[in-house]
């Protein structure tokens, strides 16, 4: 099975998204099936709204997967999985990840403006 998108932290396969380093200190991978994605918000990140957070959260409703390059990124994707915690992903190419999600989960990607405090 070939990957449709892959960077160091995010892999889009034919059945879902694998997020490396989601569970630290154990370097576990979280698998998110496309069928679990209710919606995706594309957000602009700032110093207090995601860019300064390389892992974890200060917001009990969000979880930022491990990404030591996040301070250099400006766009994040917040996944609504219908649960109380929404993952914040920062792929190297957010447009490619959005395209994978649209292809497999439908038109669930929306502009979200500014990210919440993470």
PDB file of N, CA and C in Angstrom:
ATOM      1  N   UNK A   1       0.850  -1.172   0.000  1.00  0.00           N
ATOM      2  CA  UNK A   1       0.000   0.000   0.000  1.00  0.00           C
ATOM      3  C   UNK A   1       0.900   1.241   0.000  1.00  0.00           C
ATOM      4  N   UNK A   2       0.680   2.109  -0.952  1.00  0.00           N
ATOM      5  CA  UNK A   2       1.492   3.313  -1.030  1.00  0.00           C
ATOM      6  C   UNK A   2       0.816   4.447  -0.260  1.00  0.00           C
ATOM      7  N   UNK A   3       1.636   5.356   0.225  1.00  0.00           N
ATOM      8  CA  UNK A   3       1.121   6.506   0.957  1.00  0.00           C
ATOM      9  C   UNK A   3       0.775   7.613  -0.026  1.00  0.00           C
ATOM     10  N   UNK A   4      -0.321   8.297   0.245  1.00  0.00           N
ATOM     11  CA  UNK A   4      -0.757   9.391  -0.614  1.00  0.00           C
ATOM     12  C   UNK A   4      -0.050  10.696  -0.254  1.00  0.00           C
ATOM     13  N   UNK A   5       0.373  10.796   0.999  1.00  0.00           N
ATOM     14  CA  UNK A   5       1.137  11.954   1.477  1.00  0.00           C
ATOM     15  C   UNK A   5       1.971  11.470   2.649  1.00  0.00           C
ATOM     16  N   UNK A   6       3.194  11.999   2.748  1.00  0.00           N
ATOM     17  CA  UNK A   6       4.025  11.646   3.890  1.00  0.00           C
ATOM     18  C   UNK A   6       5.061  12.729   4.142  1.00  0.00           C
ATOM     19  N   UNK A   7       5.156  13.137   5.406  1.00  0.00           N
ATOM     20  CA  UNK A   7       6.283  13.943   5.869  1.00  0.00           C
ATOM     21  C   UNK A   7       6.799  13.256   7.134  1.00  0.00           C
ATOM     22  N   UNK A   8       7.635  13.913   7.902  1.00  0.00           N
ATOM     23  CA  UNK A   8       8.217  13.249   9.084  1.00  0.00           C
ATOM     24  C   UNK A   8       7.186  12.883  10.141  1.00  0.00           C
ATOM     25  N   UNK A   9       6.071  13.607  10.216  1.00  0.00           N
ATOM     26  CA  UNK A   9       5.105  13.421  11.297  1.00  0.00           C
ATOM     27  C   UNK A   9       3.732  12.926  10.846  1.00  0.00           C
ATOM     28  N   UNK A  10       3.348  13.205   9.605  1.00  0.00           N
ATOM     29  CA  UNK A  10       1.999  12.907   9.118  1.00  0.00           C
ATOM     30  C   UNK A  10       2.080  11.990   7.903  1.00  0.00           C
ATOM     31  N   UNK A  11       1.245  10.939   7.905  1.00  0.00           N
ATOM     32  CA  UNK A  11       1.157  10.043   6.757  1.00  0.00           C
ATOM     33  C   UNK A  11      -0.321   9.879   6.402  1.00  0.00           C
ATOM     34  N   UNK A  12      -0.674  10.147   5.158  1.00  0.00           N
ATOM     35  CA  UNK A  12      -2.027   9.899   4.665  1.00  0.00           C
ATOM     36  C   UNK A  12      -2.001   8.618   3.843  1.00  0.00           C
ATOM     37  N   UNK A  13      -2.738   7.624   4.302  1.00  0.00           N
ATOM     38  CA  UNK A  13      -2.842   6.355   3.596  1.00  0.00           C
ATOM     39  C   UNK A  13      -4.221   6.274   2.951  1.00  0.00           C
ATOM     40  N   UNK A  14      -4.532   5.154   2.364  1.00  0.00           N
ATOM     41  CA  UNK A  14      -5.835   5.003   1.721  1.00  0.00           C
ATOM     42  C   UNK A  14      -6.975   4.876   2.732  1.00  0.00           C
ATOM     43  N   UNK A  15      -6.662   4.530   3.995  1.00  0.00           N
ATOM     44  CA  UNK A  15      -7.733   4.360   4.976  1.00  0.00           C
ATOM     45  C   UNK A  15      -7.727   5.358   6.130  1.00  0.00           C
ATOM     46  N   UNK A  16      -6.716   6.226   6.205  1.00  0.00           N
ATOM     47  CA  UNK A  16      -6.704   7.201   7.288  1.00  0.00           C
ATOM     48  C   UNK A  16      -5.400   7.960   7.389  1.00  0.00           C
ATOM     49  N   UNK A  17      -5.282   8.709   8.474  1.00  0.00           N
ATOM     50  CA  UNK A  17      -4.106   9.542   8.730  1.00  0.00           C
ATOM     51  C   UNK A  17      -3.366   8.948   9.925  1.00  0.00           C
ATOM     52  N   UNK A  18      -2.070   8.746   9.770  1.00  0.00           N
ATOM     53  CA  UNK A  18      -1.220   8.316  10.873  1.00  0.00           C
ATOM     54  C   UNK A  18      -0.425   9.519  11.353  1.00  0.00           C
ATOM     55  N   UNK A  19      -0.488   9.779  12.648  1.00  0.00           N
ATOM     56  CA  UNK A  19       0.201  10.919  13.254  1.00  0.00           C
ATOM     57  C   UNK A  19       1.303  10.370  14.145  1.00  0.00           C
ATOM     58  N   UNK A  20       2.543  10.514  13.708  1.00  0.00           N
ATOM     59  CA  UNK A  20       3.689  10.042  14.493  1.00  0.00           C
ATOM     60  C   UNK A  20       3.948  10.997  15.654  1.00  0.00           C
ATOM     61  N   UNK A  21       4.309  10.452  16.785  1.00  0.00           N
ATOM     62  CA  UNK A  21       4.640  11.279  17.943  1.00  0.00           C
ATOM     63  C   UNK A  21       3.435  11.888  18.611  1.00  0.00           C
ATOM     64  N   UNK A  22       2.261  11.325  18.407  1.00  0.00           N
ATOM     65  CA  UNK A  22       1.066  11.873  19.042  1.00  0.00           C
ATOM     66  C   UNK A  22       1.104  11.637  20.545  1.00  0.00           C
ATOM     67  N   UNK A  23       1.546  10.455  20.937  1.00  0.00           N
ATOM     68  CA  UNK A  23       1.588  10.083  22.347  1.00  0.00           C
ATOM     69  C   UNK A  23       3.023  10.125  22.855  1.00  0.00           C
ATOM     70  N   UNK A  24       3.462  11.241  23.381  1.00  0.00           N
ATOM     71  CA  UNK A  24       4.785  11.323  23.993  1.00  0.00           C
ATOM     72  C   UNK A  24       4.612  11.179  25.495  1.00  0.00           C
ATOM     73  N   UNK A  25       5.565  10.756  26.254  1.00  0.00           N
ATOM     74  CA  UNK A  25       6.947  10.508  25.903  1.00  0.00           C
ATOM     75  C   UNK A  25       7.154   9.239  25.088  1.00  0.00           C
ATOM     76  N   UNK A  26       6.170   8.354  25.053  1.00  0.00           N
ATOM     77  CA  UNK A  26       6.270   7.194  24.179  1.00  0.00           C
ATOM     78  C   UNK A  26       5.979   7.683  22.767  1.00  0.00           C
ATOM     79  N   UNK A  27       6.844   7.371  21.854  1.00  0.00           N
ATOM     80  CA  UNK A  27       6.703   7.886  20.486  1.00  0.00           C
ATOM     81  C   UNK A  27       5.659   7.095  19.713  1.00  0.00           C
ATOM     82  N   UNK A  28       4.438   7.065  20.234  1.00  0.00           N
ATOM     83  CA  UNK A  28       3.366   6.306  19.612  1.00  0.00           C
ATOM     84  C   UNK A  28       2.748   7.028  18.435  1.00  0.00           C
ATOM     85  N   UNK A  29       2.138   6.246  17.570  1.00  0.00           N
ATOM     86  CA  UNK A  29       1.461   6.771  16.392  1.00  0.00           C
ATOM     87  C   UNK A  29      -0.043   6.635  16.584  1.00  0.00           C
ATOM     88  N   UNK A  30      -0.764   7.704  16.286  1.00  0.00           N
ATOM     89  CA  UNK A  30      -2.226   7.678  16.349  1.00  0.00           C
ATOM     90  C   UNK A  30      -2.747   7.493  14.933  1.00  0.00           C
ATOM     91  N   UNK A  31      -3.648   6.539  14.754  1.00  0.00           N
ATOM     92  CA  UNK A  31      -4.291   6.330  13.460  1.00  0.00           C
ATOM     93  C   UNK A  31      -5.687   6.942  13.521  1.00  0.00           C
ATOM     94  N   UNK A  32      -5.997   7.814  12.574  1.00  0.00           N
ATOM     95  CA  UNK A  32      -7.303   8.456  12.502  1.00  0.00           C
ATOM     96  C   UNK A  32      -7.951   8.014  11.192  1.00  0.00           C
ATOM     97  N   UNK A  33      -8.964   7.153  11.253  1.00  0.00           N
ATOM     98  CA  UNK A  33      -9.649   6.756  10.019  1.00  0.00           C
ATOM     99  C   UNK A  33     -10.389   7.953   9.412  1.00  0.00           C
ATOM    100  N   UNK A  34     -10.421   8.021   8.099  1.00  0.00           N
ATOM    101  CA  UNK A  34     -11.145   9.112   7.440  1.00  0.00           C
ATOM    102  C   UNK A  34     -12.613   9.121   7.853  1.00  0.00           C
ATOM    103  N   UNK A  35     -13.174   7.946   8.109  1.00  0.00           N
ATOM    104  CA  UNK A  35     -14.584   7.862   8.495  1.00  0.00           C
ATOM    105  C   UNK A  35     -14.859   8.519   9.852  1.00  0.00           C
ATOM    106  N   UNK A  36     -13.828   8.720  10.680  1.00  0.00           N
ATOM    107  CA  UNK A  36     -13.996   9.351  11.991  1.00  0.00           C
ATOM    108  C   UNK A  36     -13.963  10.875  11.916  1.00  0.00           C
ATOM    109  N   UNK A  37     -13.539  11.428  10.783  1.00  0.00           N
ATOM    110  CA  UNK A  37     -13.388  12.884  10.663  1.00  0.00           C
ATOM    111  C   UNK A  37     -14.731  13.516  10.328  1.00  0.00           C
ATOM    112  N   UNK A  38     -15.244  14.311  11.266  1.00  0.00           N
ATOM    113  CA  UNK A  38     -16.513  15.023  11.073  1.00  0.00           C
ATOM    114  C   UNK A  38     -16.301  16.327  10.315  1.00  0.00           C
ATOM    115  N   UNK A  39     -15.224  17.040  10.674  1.00  0.00           N
ATOM    116  CA  UNK A  39     -14.866  18.276   9.975  1.00  0.00           C
ATOM    117  C   UNK A  39     -13.408  18.610  10.258  1.00  0.00           C
ATOM    118  N   UNK A  40     -12.865  19.471   9.427  1.00  0.00           N
ATOM    119  CA  UNK A  40     -11.488  19.938   9.567  1.00  0.00           C
ATOM    120  C   UNK A  40     -11.508  21.457   9.443  1.00  0.00           C
ATOM    121  N   UNK A  41     -10.885  22.130  10.407  1.00  0.00           N
ATOM    122  CA  UNK A  41     -10.739  23.586  10.330  1.00  0.00           C
ATOM    123  C   UNK A  41      -9.299  23.918   9.991  1.00  0.00           C
ATOM    124  N   UNK A  42      -9.116  24.678   8.926  1.00  0.00           N
ATOM    125  CA  UNK A  42      -7.797  25.188   8.564  1.00  0.00           C
ATOM    126  C   UNK A  42      -7.632  26.516   9.289  1.00  0.00           C
ATOM    127  N   UNK A  43      -6.605  26.618  10.140  1.00  0.00           N
ATOM    128  CA  UNK A  43      -6.447  27.811  10.974  1.00  0.00           C
ATOM    129  C   UNK A  43      -5.063  28.421  10.810  1.00  0.00           C
ATOM    130  N   UNK A  44      -4.996  29.717  11.011  1.00  0.00           N
ATOM    131  CA  UNK A  44      -3.729  30.448  11.040  1.00  0.00           C
ATOM    132  C   UNK A  44      -3.233  30.456  12.477  1.00  0.00           C
ATOM    133  N   UNK A  45      -1.979  30.087  12.656  1.00  0.00           N
ATOM    134  CA  UNK A  45      -1.418  29.987  14.001  1.00  0.00           C
ATOM    135  C   UNK A  45      -0.534  31.187  14.319  1.00  0.00           C
ATOM    136  N   UNK A  46      -0.556  31.585  15.581  1.00  0.00           N
ATOM    137  CA  UNK A  46       0.312  32.629  16.092  1.00  0.00           C
ATOM    138  C   UNK A  46       1.079  32.097  17.295  1.00  0.00           C
ATOM    139  N   UNK A  47       1.806  32.959  17.975  1.00  0.00           N
ATOM    140  CA  UNK A  47       2.638  32.545  19.101  1.00  0.00           C
ATOM    141  C   UNK A  47       1.834  31.857  20.209  1.00  0.00           C
ATOM    142  N   UNK A  48       0.663  32.383  20.543  1.00  0.00           N
ATOM    143  CA  UNK A  48      -0.160  31.779  21.593  1.00  0.00           C
ATOM    144  C   UNK A  48      -1.208  30.821  21.036  1.00  0.00           C
ATOM    145  N   UNK A  49      -1.300  30.748  19.737  1.00  0.00           N
ATOM    146  CA  UNK A  49      -2.335  29.921  19.123  1.00  0.00           C
ATOM    147  C   UNK A  49      -1.732  28.790  18.297  1.00  0.00           C
ATOM    148  N   UNK A  50      -0.728  28.130  18.873  1.00  0.00           N
ATOM    149  CA  UNK A  50      -0.211  26.919  18.276  1.00  0.00           C
ATOM    150  C   UNK A  50       1.253  26.908  17.895  1.00  0.00           C
ATOM    151  N   UNK A  51       1.787  28.001  17.397  1.00  0.00           N
ATOM    152  CA  UNK A  51       3.156  27.970  16.878  1.00  0.00           C
ATOM    153  C   UNK A  51       4.203  27.702  17.954  1.00  0.00           C
ATOM    154  N   UNK A  52       3.988  28.197  19.151  1.00  0.00           N
ATOM    155  CA  UNK A  52       4.984  28.023  20.221  1.00  0.00           C
ATOM    156  C   UNK A  52       4.860  26.668  20.912  1.00  0.00           C
ATOM    157  N   UNK A  53       3.830  25.912  20.618  1.00  0.00           N
ATOM    158  CA  UNK A  53       3.581  24.639  21.291  1.00  0.00           C
ATOM    159  C   UNK A  53       4.099  23.496  20.414  1.00  0.00           C
ATOM    160  N   UNK A  54       5.179  22.832  20.831  1.00  0.00           N
ATOM    161  CA  UNK A  54       5.687  21.734  20.003  1.00  0.00           C
ATOM    162  C   UNK A  54       5.020  20.401  20.342  1.00  0.00           C
ATOM    163  N   UNK A  55       4.363  20.306  21.495  1.00  0.00           N
ATOM    164  CA  UNK A  55       3.619  19.102  21.859  1.00  0.00           C
ATOM    165  C   UNK A  55       2.736  19.399  23.050  1.00  0.00           C
ATOM    166  N   UNK A  56       1.549  18.836  23.075  1.00  0.00           N
ATOM    167  CA  UNK A  56       0.669  18.975  24.230  1.00  0.00           C
ATOM    168  C   UNK A  56      -0.329  20.097  24.062  1.00  0.00           C
ATOM    169  N   UNK A  57      -0.751  20.691  25.191  1.00  0.00           N
ATOM    170  CA  UNK A  57      -1.772  21.729  25.133  1.00  0.00           C
ATOM    171  C   UNK A  57      -1.868  22.513  26.441  1.00  0.00           C
ATOM    172  N   UNK A  58      -2.409  23.704  26.337  1.00  0.00           N
ATOM    173  CA  UNK A  58      -2.836  24.477  27.499  1.00  0.00           C
ATOM    174  C   UNK A  58      -4.357  24.607  27.454  1.00  0.00           C
ATOM    175  N   UNK A  59      -4.971  23.990  26.438  1.00  0.00           N
ATOM    176  CA  UNK A  59      -6.405  24.049  26.195  1.00  0.00           C
ATOM    177  C   UNK A  59      -6.954  22.627  26.338  1.00  0.00           C
ATOM    178  N   UNK A  60      -7.817  22.382  27.308  1.00  0.00           N
ATOM    179  CA  UNK A  60      -8.278  21.015  27.529  1.00  0.00           C
ATOM    180  C   UNK A  60      -9.066  20.409  26.371  1.00  0.00           C
ATOM    181  N   UNK A  61      -9.468  21.177  25.390  1.00  0.00           N
ATOM    182  CA  UNK A  61     -10.207  20.655  24.251  1.00  0.00           C
ATOM    183  C   UNK A  61      -9.360  20.407  23.015  1.00  0.00           C
ATOM    184  N   UNK A  62      -8.049  20.674  23.095  1.00  0.00           N
ATOM    185  CA  UNK A  62      -7.162  20.540  21.936  1.00  0.00           C
ATOM    186  C   UNK A  62      -5.971  19.661  22.326  1.00  0.00           C
ATOM    187  N   UNK A  63      -5.329  19.061  21.320  1.00  0.00           N
ATOM    188  CA  UNK A  63      -4.090  18.327  21.546  1.00  0.00           C
ATOM    189  C   UNK A  63      -3.188  18.528  20.344  1.00  0.00           C
ATOM    190  N   UNK A  64      -2.019  19.099  20.572  1.00  0.00           N
ATOM    191  CA  UNK A  64      -1.037  19.320  19.509  1.00  0.00           C
ATOM    192  C   UNK A  64      -0.074  18.141  19.483  1.00  0.00           C
ATOM    193  N   UNK A  65      -0.063  17.426  18.378  1.00  0.00           N
ATOM    194  CA  UNK A  65       0.873  16.308  18.226  1.00  0.00           C
ATOM    195  C   UNK A  65       2.298  16.855  18.204  1.00  0.00           C
ATOM    196  N   UNK A  66       3.267  15.999  18.492  1.00  0.00           N
ATOM    197  CA  UNK A  66       4.659  16.426  18.550  1.00  0.00           C
ATOM    198  C   UNK A  66       5.133  16.906  17.176  1.00  0.00           C
ATOM    199  N   UNK A  67       5.625  18.143  17.132  1.00  0.00           N
ATOM    200  CA  UNK A  67       6.184  18.705  15.900  1.00  0.00           C
ATOM    201  C   UNK A  67       7.181  19.798  16.281  1.00  0.00           C
ATOM    202  N   UNK A  68       8.484  19.458  16.347  1.00  0.00           N
ATOM    203  CA  UNK A  68       9.483  20.455  16.725  1.00  0.00           C
ATOM    204  C   UNK A  68       9.658  21.566  15.694  1.00  0.00           C
ATOM    205  N   UNK A  69       9.099  21.394  14.503  1.00  0.00           N
ATOM    206  CA  UNK A  69       9.193  22.447  13.476  1.00  0.00           C
ATOM    207  C   UNK A  69       7.967  23.350  13.464  1.00  0.00           C
ATOM    208  N   UNK A  70       7.002  23.124  14.360  1.00  0.00           N
ATOM    209  CA  UNK A  70       5.775  23.933  14.388  1.00  0.00           C
ATOM    210  C   UNK A  70       6.039  25.438  14.536  1.00  0.00           C
ATOM    211  N   UNK A  71       7.043  25.889  15.295  1.00  0.00           N
ATOM    212  CA  UNK A  71       7.257  27.341  15.400  1.00  0.00           C
ATOM    213  C   UNK A  71       7.529  28.032  14.063  1.00  0.00           C
ATOM    214  N   UNK A  72       7.936  27.295  13.047  1.00  0.00           N
ATOM    215  CA  UNK A  72       8.182  27.882  11.724  1.00  0.00           C
ATOM    216  C   UNK A  72       6.975  27.771  10.790  1.00  0.00           C
ATOM    217  N   UNK A  73       5.908  27.145  11.256  1.00  0.00           N
ATOM    218  CA  UNK A  73       4.724  26.936  10.420  1.00  0.00           C
ATOM    219  C   UNK A  73       3.647  27.953  10.763  1.00  0.00           C
ATOM    220  N   UNK A  74       2.811  28.259   9.798  1.00  0.00           N
ATOM    221  CA  UNK A  74       1.769  29.265  10.006  1.00  0.00           C
ATOM    222  C   UNK A  74       0.355  28.705   9.922  1.00  0.00           C
ATOM    223  N   UNK A  75       0.209  27.485   9.381  1.00  0.00           N
ATOM    224  CA  UNK A  75      -1.112  26.900   9.173  1.00  0.00           C
ATOM    225  C   UNK A  75      -1.217  25.578   9.916  1.00  0.00           C
ATOM    226  N   UNK A  76      -2.351  25.386  10.579  1.00  0.00           N
ATOM    227  CA  UNK A  76      -2.642  24.132  11.253  1.00  0.00           C
ATOM    228  C   UNK A  76      -3.992  23.595  10.823  1.00  0.00           C
ATOM    229  N   UNK A  77      -4.202  22.309  11.038  1.00  0.00           N
ATOM    230  CA  UNK A  77      -5.477  21.664  10.754  1.00  0.00           C
ATOM    231  C   UNK A  77      -6.017  21.088  12.055  1.00  0.00           C
ATOM    232  N   UNK A  78      -7.217  21.513  12.435  1.00  0.00           N
ATOM    233  CA  UNK A  78      -7.865  21.009  13.645  1.00  0.00           C
ATOM    234  C   UNK A  78      -8.937  20.027  13.211  1.00  0.00           C
ATOM    235  N   UNK A  79      -8.807  18.778  13.686  1.00  0.00           N
ATOM    236  CA  UNK A  79      -9.737  17.728  13.298  1.00  0.00           C
ATOM    237  C   UNK A  79     -10.836  17.573  14.343  1.00  0.00           C
ATOM    238  N   UNK A  80     -12.084  17.608  13.894  1.00  0.00           N
ATOM    239  CA  UNK A  80     -13.214  17.306  14.765  1.00  0.00           C
ATOM    240  C   UNK A  80     -13.547  15.837  14.549  1.00  0.00           C
ATOM    241  N   UNK A  81     -13.306  15.039  15.585  1.00  0.00           N
ATOM    242  CA  UNK A  81     -13.558  13.602  15.515  1.00  0.00           C
ATOM    243  C   UNK A  81     -14.817  13.217  16.288  1.00  0.00           C
ATOM    244  N   UNK A  82     -15.585  14.232  16.697  1.00  0.00           N
ATOM    245  CA  UNK A  82     -16.787  13.962  17.470  1.00  0.00           C
ATOM    246  C   UNK A  82     -16.494  13.596  18.910  1.00  0.00           C
ATOM    247  N   UNK A  83     -15.300  13.923  19.372  1.00  0.00           N
ATOM    248  CA  UNK A  83     -14.886  13.638  20.747  1.00  0.00           C
ATOM    249  C   UNK A  83     -14.541  14.944  21.447  1.00  0.00           C
ATOM    250  N   UNK A  84     -14.247  14.871  22.731  1.00  0.00           N
ATOM    251  CA  UNK A  84     -13.971  16.089  23.494  1.00  0.00           C
ATOM    252  C   UNK A  84     -12.605  16.687  23.178  1.00  0.00           C
ATOM    253  N   UNK A  85     -11.669  15.896  22.656  1.00  0.00           N
ATOM    254  CA  UNK A  85     -10.333  16.397  22.305  1.00  0.00           C
ATOM    255  C   UNK A  85     -10.213  16.475  20.785  1.00  0.00           C
ATOM    256  N   UNK A  86      -9.777  17.629  20.286  1.00  0.00           N
ATOM    257  CA  UNK A  86      -9.569  17.814  18.852  1.00  0.00           C
ATOM    258  C   UNK A  86      -8.072  17.898  18.571  1.00  0.00           C
ATOM    259  N   UNK A  87      -7.540  17.006  17.735  1.00  0.00           N
ATOM    260  CA  UNK A  87      -6.122  17.051  17.398  1.00  0.00           C
ATOM    261  C   UNK A  87      -5.787  18.270  16.523  1.00  0.00           C
ATOM    262  N   UNK A  88      -4.639  18.888  16.805  1.00  0.00           N
ATOM    263  CA  UNK A  88      -4.083  19.943  15.958  1.00  0.00           C
ATOM    264  C   UNK A  88      -2.901  19.337  15.219  1.00  0.00           C
ATOM    265  N   UNK A  89      -2.990  19.294  13.905  1.00  0.00           N
ATOM    266  CA  UNK A  89      -1.925  18.764  13.065  1.00  0.00           C
ATOM    267  C   UNK A  89      -1.279  19.894  12.291  1.00  0.00           C
ATOM    268  N   UNK A  90       0.018  19.798  12.094  1.00  0.00           N
ATOM    269  CA  UNK A  90       0.730  20.810  11.311  1.00  0.00           C
ATOM    270  C   UNK A  90       1.612  20.110  10.271  1.00  0.00           C
ATOM    271  N   UNK A  91       0.974  19.617   9.212  1.00  0.00           N
ATOM    272  CA  UNK A  91       1.759  18.952   8.161  1.00  0.00           C
ATOM    273  C   UNK A  91       2.651  19.950   7.431  1.00  0.00           C
ATOM    274  N   UNK A  92       3.708  19.445   6.819  1.00  0.00           N
ATOM    275  CA  UNK A  92       4.579  20.308   6.020  1.00  0.00           C
ATOM    276  C   UNK A  92       3.824  20.896   4.833  1.00  0.00           C
ATOM    277  N   UNK A  93       2.863  20.150   4.285  1.00  0.00           N
ATOM    278  CA  UNK A  93       2.060  20.602   3.150  1.00  0.00           C
ATOM    279  C   UNK A  93       0.577  20.444   3.497  1.00  0.00           C
ATOM    280  N   UNK A  94      -0.022  21.450   4.173  1.00  0.00           N
ATOM    281  CA  UNK A  94      -1.421  21.323   4.579  1.00  0.00           C
ATOM    282  C   UNK A  94      -2.375  21.158   3.396  1.00  0.00           C
ATOM    283  N   UNK A  95      -2.049  21.740   2.244  1.00  0.00           N
ATOM    284  CA  UNK A  95      -2.914  21.598   1.075  1.00  0.00           C
ATOM    285  C   UNK A  95      -3.011  20.137   0.636  1.00  0.00           C
ATOM    286  N   UNK A  96      -1.901  19.411   0.673  1.00  0.00           N
ATOM    287  CA  UNK A  96      -1.898  18.000   0.275  1.00  0.00           C
ATOM    288  C   UNK A  96      -2.707  17.157   1.250  1.00  0.00           C
ATOM    289  N   UNK A  97      -2.603  17.441   2.543  1.00  0.00           N
ATOM    290  CA  UNK A  97      -3.376  16.691   3.539  1.00  0.00           C
ATOM    291  C   UNK A  97      -4.858  17.009   3.381  1.00  0.00           C
ATOM    292  N   UNK A  98      -5.202  18.265   3.142  1.00  0.00           N
ATOM    293  CA  UNK A  98      -6.598  18.623   2.882  1.00  0.00           C
ATOM    294  C   UNK A  98      -7.134  17.865   1.676  1.00  0.00           C
ATOM    295  N   UNK A  99      -6.339  17.758   0.622  1.00  0.00           N
ATOM    296  CA  UNK A  99      -6.763  17.039  -0.580  1.00  0.00           C
ATOM    297  C   UNK A  99      -7.026  15.568  -0.268  1.00  0.00           C
ATOM    298  N   UNK A 100      -6.178  14.939   0.539  1.00  0.00           N
ATOM    299  CA  UNK A 100      -6.394  13.539   0.939  1.00  0.00           C
ATOM    300  C   UNK A 100      -7.693  13.405   1.719  1.00  0.00           C
ATOM    301  N   UNK A 101      -7.926  14.322   2.648  1.00  0.00           N
ATOM    302  CA  UNK A 101      -9.139  14.257   3.463  1.00  0.00           C
ATOM    303  C   UNK A 101     -10.375  14.454   2.593  1.00  0.00           C
ATOM    304  N   UNK A 102     -10.336  15.425   1.690  1.00  0.00           N
ATOM    305  CA  UNK A 102     -11.477  15.655   0.794  1.00  0.00           C
ATOM    306  C   UNK A 102     -11.768  14.424  -0.070  1.00  0.00           C
ATOM    307  N   UNK A 103     -10.715  13.796  -0.561  1.00  0.00           N
ATOM    308  CA  UNK A 103     -10.879  12.626  -1.422  1.00  0.00           C
ATOM    309  C   UNK A 103     -11.544  11.462  -0.683  1.00  0.00           C
ATOM    310  N   UNK A 104     -11.198  11.281   0.587  1.00  0.00           N
ATOM    311  CA  UNK A 104     -11.676  10.113   1.327  1.00  0.00           C
ATOM    312  C   UNK A 104     -12.837  10.400   2.275  1.00  0.00           C
ATOM    313  N   UNK A 105     -12.950  11.622   2.779  1.00  0.00           N
ATOM    314  CA  UNK A 105     -13.979  11.935   3.772  1.00  0.00           C
ATOM    315  C   UNK A 105     -15.025  12.914   3.255  1.00  0.00           C
ATOM    316  N   UNK A 106     -14.847  13.404   2.040  1.00  0.00           N
ATOM    317  CA  UNK A 106     -15.797  14.360   1.494  1.00  0.00           C
ATOM    318  C   UNK A 106     -15.366  15.784   1.779  1.00  0.00           C
ATOM    319  N   UNK A 107     -16.268  16.704   1.536  1.00  0.00           N
ATOM    320  CA  UNK A 107     -15.963  18.133   1.681  1.00  0.00           C
ATOM    321  C   UNK A 107     -16.174  18.562   3.132  1.00  0.00           C
ATOM    322  N   UNK A 108     -15.239  18.185   4.002  1.00  0.00           N
ATOM    323  CA  UNK A 108     -15.358  18.482   5.432  1.00  0.00           C
ATOM    324  C   UNK A 108     -14.352  19.532   5.882  1.00  0.00           C
ATOM    325  N   UNK A 109     -13.554  20.075   4.957  1.00  0.00           N
ATOM    326  CA  UNK A 109     -12.522  21.053   5.304  1.00  0.00           C
ATOM    327  C   UNK A 109     -13.124  22.452   5.199  1.00  0.00           C
ATOM    328  N   UNK A 110     -12.923  23.248   6.239  1.00  0.00           N
ATOM    329  CA  UNK A 110     -13.467  24.596   6.289  1.00  0.00           C
ATOM    330  C   UNK A 110     -12.394  25.566   6.768  1.00  0.00           C
ATOM    331  N   UNK A 111     -12.464  26.801   6.301  1.00  0.00           N
ATOM    332  CA  UNK A 111     -11.576  27.841   6.825  1.00  0.00           C
ATOM    333  C   UNK A 111     -12.025  28.145   8.244  1.00  0.00           C
ATOM    334  N   UNK A 112     -11.078  28.251   9.150  1.00  0.00           N
ATOM    335  CA  UNK A 112     -11.427  28.458  10.543  1.00  0.00           C
ATOM    336  C   UNK A 112     -10.915  29.752  11.115  1.00  0.00           C
ATOM    337  N   UNK A 113     -10.190  30.538  10.308  1.00  0.00           N
ATOM    338  CA  UNK A 113      -9.647  31.783  10.825  1.00  0.00           C
ATOM    339  C   UNK A 113      -8.459  31.543  11.725  1.00  0.00           C
ATOM    340  N   UNK A 114      -8.458  32.210  12.873  1.00  0.00           N
ATOM    341  CA  UNK A 114      -7.346  32.106  13.804  1.00  0.00           C
ATOM    342  C   UNK A 114      -7.536  30.890  14.722  1.00  0.00           C
ATOM    343  N   UNK A 115      -6.448  30.240  15.034  1.00  0.00           N
ATOM    344  CA  UNK A 115      -6.495  29.064  15.903  1.00  0.00           C
ATOM    345  C   UNK A 115      -6.793  29.477  17.343  1.00  0.00           C
ATOM    346  N   UNK A 116      -7.406  28.591  18.133  1.00  0.00           N
ATOM    347  CA  UNK A 116      -7.592  28.877  19.559  1.00  0.00           C
ATOM    348  C   UNK A 116      -6.267  28.748  20.289  1.00  0.00           C
ATOM    349  N   UNK A 117      -6.230  29.192  21.523  1.00  0.00           N
ATOM    350  CA  UNK A 117      -5.008  29.034  22.338  1.00  0.00           C
ATOM    351  C   UNK A 117      -4.767  27.546  22.536  1.00  0.00           C
ATOM    352  N   UNK A 118      -3.529  27.154  22.269  1.00  0.00           N
ATOM    353  CA  UNK A 118      -3.163  25.731  22.379  1.00  0.00           C
ATOM    354  C   UNK A 118      -2.053  25.593  23.393  1.00  0.00           C
TER     355      UNK A 118
END
